[in-house]
Amino acid sequence: MREKPKIKTSSWVPVGGEMVELASLPPEEKRAWATEAKIRFLNAAFHGRAVFWAEGEPEPKIPD
């Protein structure tokens, strides 16, 4: 059976005006990026039915 090629992926995020590999960030910054991505996903998935934000952040203003 033929051996499958290994695929390597990496994620890059903007930090301070330049692109940085996500794996090179400290754990606190990785967590912040993950939280932001999850909040954006949930707000898009439940648009018009629910609003999500990070604990400790002010509640977002919802347009009328």
N, C-alpha and C. Protein backbone atom coordinates (compact mmCIF):
# COMPACT_ATOMS: atom_id res chain seq x y z
N MET A 1 0.83 -1.18 0.00
CA MET A 1 0.00 0.00 0.00
C MET A 1 0.88 1.24 0.00
N ARG A 2 0.45 2.24 -0.75
CA ARG A 2 1.22 3.47 -0.89
C ARG A 2 1.15 4.30 0.39
N GLU A 3 2.28 4.83 0.79
CA GLU A 3 2.33 5.66 2.00
C GLU A 3 1.75 7.04 1.70
N LYS A 4 0.89 7.50 2.60
CA LYS A 4 0.28 8.81 2.42
C LYS A 4 1.27 9.90 2.80
N PRO A 5 1.34 10.97 2.01
CA PRO A 5 2.25 12.06 2.37
C PRO A 5 1.75 12.77 3.63
N LYS A 6 2.67 13.21 4.46
CA LYS A 6 2.31 13.95 5.66
C LYS A 6 2.10 15.41 5.29
N ILE A 7 1.06 15.97 5.82
CA ILE A 7 0.72 17.37 5.54
C ILE A 7 0.98 18.19 6.79
N LYS A 8 1.77 19.24 6.64
CA LYS A 8 2.05 20.13 7.77
C LYS A 8 1.32 21.45 7.52
N THR A 9 0.59 21.90 8.52
CA THR A 9 -0.11 23.17 8.41
C THR A 9 0.38 24.11 9.51
N SER A 10 0.21 25.38 9.28
CA SER A 10 0.53 26.36 10.31
C SER A 10 -0.44 27.52 10.18
N SER A 11 -0.71 28.17 11.29
CA SER A 11 -1.62 29.31 11.32
C SER A 11 -0.82 30.57 11.60
N TRP A 12 -1.15 31.60 10.88
CA TRP A 12 -0.49 32.89 11.05
C TRP A 12 -1.52 33.93 11.41
N VAL A 13 -1.20 34.79 12.37
CA VAL A 13 -2.12 35.83 12.84
C VAL A 13 -1.40 37.17 12.88
N PRO A 14 -2.14 38.27 12.67
CA PRO A 14 -1.50 39.58 12.74
C PRO A 14 -1.28 40.01 14.20
N VAL A 15 -0.05 40.38 14.51
CA VAL A 15 0.29 40.88 15.85
C VAL A 15 1.19 42.09 15.66
N GLY A 16 0.72 43.22 16.11
CA GLY A 16 1.53 44.44 16.02
C GLY A 16 1.92 44.81 14.60
N GLY A 17 1.04 44.56 13.64
CA GLY A 17 1.30 44.95 12.27
C GLY A 17 2.08 43.95 11.45
N GLU A 18 2.46 42.83 12.03
CA GLU A 18 3.17 41.81 11.25
C GLU A 18 2.55 40.44 11.50
N MET A 19 2.73 39.53 10.58
CA MET A 19 2.18 38.19 10.70
C MET A 19 3.12 37.31 11.54
N VAL A 20 2.54 36.61 12.51
CA VAL A 20 3.29 35.77 13.44
C VAL A 20 2.66 34.38 13.45
N GLU A 21 3.50 33.35 13.50
CA GLU A 21 2.96 31.99 13.57
C GLU A 21 2.29 31.80 14.93
N LEU A 22 1.07 31.30 14.91
CA LEU A 22 0.29 31.14 16.14
C LEU A 22 1.00 30.25 17.14
N ALA A 23 1.69 29.21 16.69
CA ALA A 23 2.38 28.29 17.59
C ALA A 23 3.50 28.98 18.37
N SER A 24 4.01 30.09 17.88
CA SER A 24 5.11 30.78 18.56
C SER A 24 4.64 31.75 19.64
N LEU A 25 3.34 31.98 19.73
CA LEU A 25 2.82 32.91 20.73
C LEU A 25 2.78 32.27 22.12
N PRO A 26 2.87 33.08 23.17
CA PRO A 26 2.74 32.54 24.53
C PRO A 26 1.30 32.03 24.75
N PRO A 27 1.11 31.13 25.71
CA PRO A 27 -0.21 30.53 25.94
C PRO A 27 -1.34 31.54 26.17
N GLU A 28 -1.06 32.66 26.85
CA GLU A 28 -2.12 33.65 27.10
C GLU A 28 -2.63 34.25 25.79
N GLU A 29 -1.70 34.55 24.87
CA GLU A 29 -2.09 35.14 23.59
C GLU A 29 -2.80 34.11 22.71
N LYS A 30 -2.37 32.86 22.75
CA LYS A 30 -3.07 31.80 22.01
C LYS A 30 -4.50 31.68 22.49
N ARG A 31 -4.68 31.70 23.81
CA ARG A 31 -6.01 31.59 24.40
C ARG A 31 -6.87 32.78 23.97
N ALA A 32 -6.29 33.97 23.95
CA ALA A 32 -7.04 35.16 23.54
C ALA A 32 -7.49 35.04 22.08
N TRP A 33 -6.61 34.55 21.21
CA TRP A 33 -6.98 34.36 19.80
C TRP A 33 -8.07 33.31 19.67
N ALA A 34 -7.96 32.22 20.41
CA ALA A 34 -8.97 31.16 20.35
C ALA A 34 -10.32 31.68 20.85
N THR A 35 -10.31 32.45 21.92
CA THR A 35 -11.55 33.01 22.46
C THR A 35 -12.21 33.92 21.45
N GLU A 36 -11.42 34.79 20.83
CA GLU A 36 -11.95 35.71 19.84
C GLU A 36 -12.55 34.96 18.65
N ALA A 37 -11.87 33.92 18.18
CA ALA A 37 -12.37 33.13 17.06
C ALA A 37 -13.69 32.44 17.42
N LYS A 38 -13.76 31.88 18.62
CA LYS A 38 -14.98 31.18 19.05
C LYS A 38 -16.15 32.16 19.19
N ILE A 39 -15.90 33.34 19.74
CA ILE A 39 -16.95 34.34 19.89
C ILE A 39 -17.46 34.77 18.52
N ARG A 40 -16.56 35.00 17.59
CA ARG A 40 -16.98 35.39 16.24
C ARG A 40 -17.82 34.30 15.58
N PHE A 41 -17.39 33.04 15.74
CA PHE A 41 -18.14 31.92 15.18
C PHE A 41 -19.53 31.84 15.78
N LEU A 42 -19.62 31.89 17.12
CA LEU A 42 -20.91 31.77 17.78
C LEU A 42 -21.84 32.93 17.42
N ASN A 43 -21.32 34.15 17.36
CA ASN A 43 -22.15 35.29 17.00
C ASN A 43 -22.64 35.19 15.56
N ALA A 44 -21.85 34.64 14.67
CA ALA A 44 -22.30 34.44 13.29
C ALA A 44 -23.33 33.32 13.21
N ALA A 45 -23.10 32.23 13.94
CA ALA A 45 -24.02 31.09 13.89
C ALA A 45 -25.37 31.41 14.51
N PHE A 46 -25.40 32.25 15.54
CA PHE A 46 -26.64 32.56 16.24
C PHE A 46 -27.09 34.00 16.02
N HIS A 47 -26.69 34.59 14.90
CA HIS A 47 -27.02 35.97 14.59
C HIS A 47 -28.54 36.20 14.69
N GLY A 48 -28.93 37.22 15.46
CA GLY A 48 -30.33 37.54 15.61
C GLY A 48 -31.03 36.76 16.72
N ARG A 49 -30.37 35.74 17.27
CA ARG A 49 -30.98 34.93 18.32
C ARG A 49 -30.24 35.03 19.64
N ALA A 50 -28.93 35.29 19.59
CA ALA A 50 -28.13 35.38 20.81
C ALA A 50 -26.88 36.21 20.51
N VAL A 51 -26.30 36.77 21.56
CA VAL A 51 -25.05 37.53 21.43
C VAL A 51 -24.08 36.99 22.47
N PHE A 52 -22.86 36.71 22.05
CA PHE A 52 -21.83 36.16 22.93
C PHE A 52 -20.70 37.16 23.08
N TRP A 53 -20.08 37.18 24.26
CA TRP A 53 -18.89 38.00 24.51
C TRP A 53 -18.09 37.34 25.61
N ALA A 54 -16.83 37.73 25.74
CA ALA A 54 -15.93 37.13 26.72
C ALA A 54 -16.30 37.57 28.13
N GLU A 55 -16.13 36.66 29.07
CA GLU A 55 -16.40 36.97 30.47
C GLU A 55 -15.47 38.09 30.92
N GLY A 56 -16.02 39.04 31.65
CA GLY A 56 -15.23 40.17 32.12
C GLY A 56 -15.19 41.33 31.15
N GLU A 57 -15.69 41.15 29.94
CA GLU A 57 -15.76 42.22 28.95
C GLU A 57 -17.11 42.90 29.07
N PRO A 58 -17.19 44.17 28.68
CA PRO A 58 -18.50 44.84 28.73
C PRO A 58 -19.45 44.22 27.70
N GLU A 59 -20.74 44.21 28.05
CA GLU A 59 -21.73 43.65 27.14
C GLU A 59 -21.78 44.48 25.86
N PRO A 60 -21.74 43.82 24.69
CA PRO A 60 -21.75 44.58 23.44
C PRO A 60 -23.08 45.28 23.22
N LYS A 61 -23.04 46.41 22.52
CA LYS A 61 -24.27 47.14 22.19
C LYS A 61 -24.93 46.45 21.01
N ILE A 62 -26.20 46.15 21.16
CA ILE A 62 -26.94 45.47 20.10
C ILE A 62 -27.76 46.51 19.35
N PRO A 63 -27.55 46.60 18.02
CA PRO A 63 -28.32 47.60 17.26
C PRO A 63 -29.81 47.25 17.25
N ASP A 64 -30.65 48.27 17.21
CA ASP A 64 -32.12 48.06 17.19
C ASP A 64 -32.56 47.45 15.89
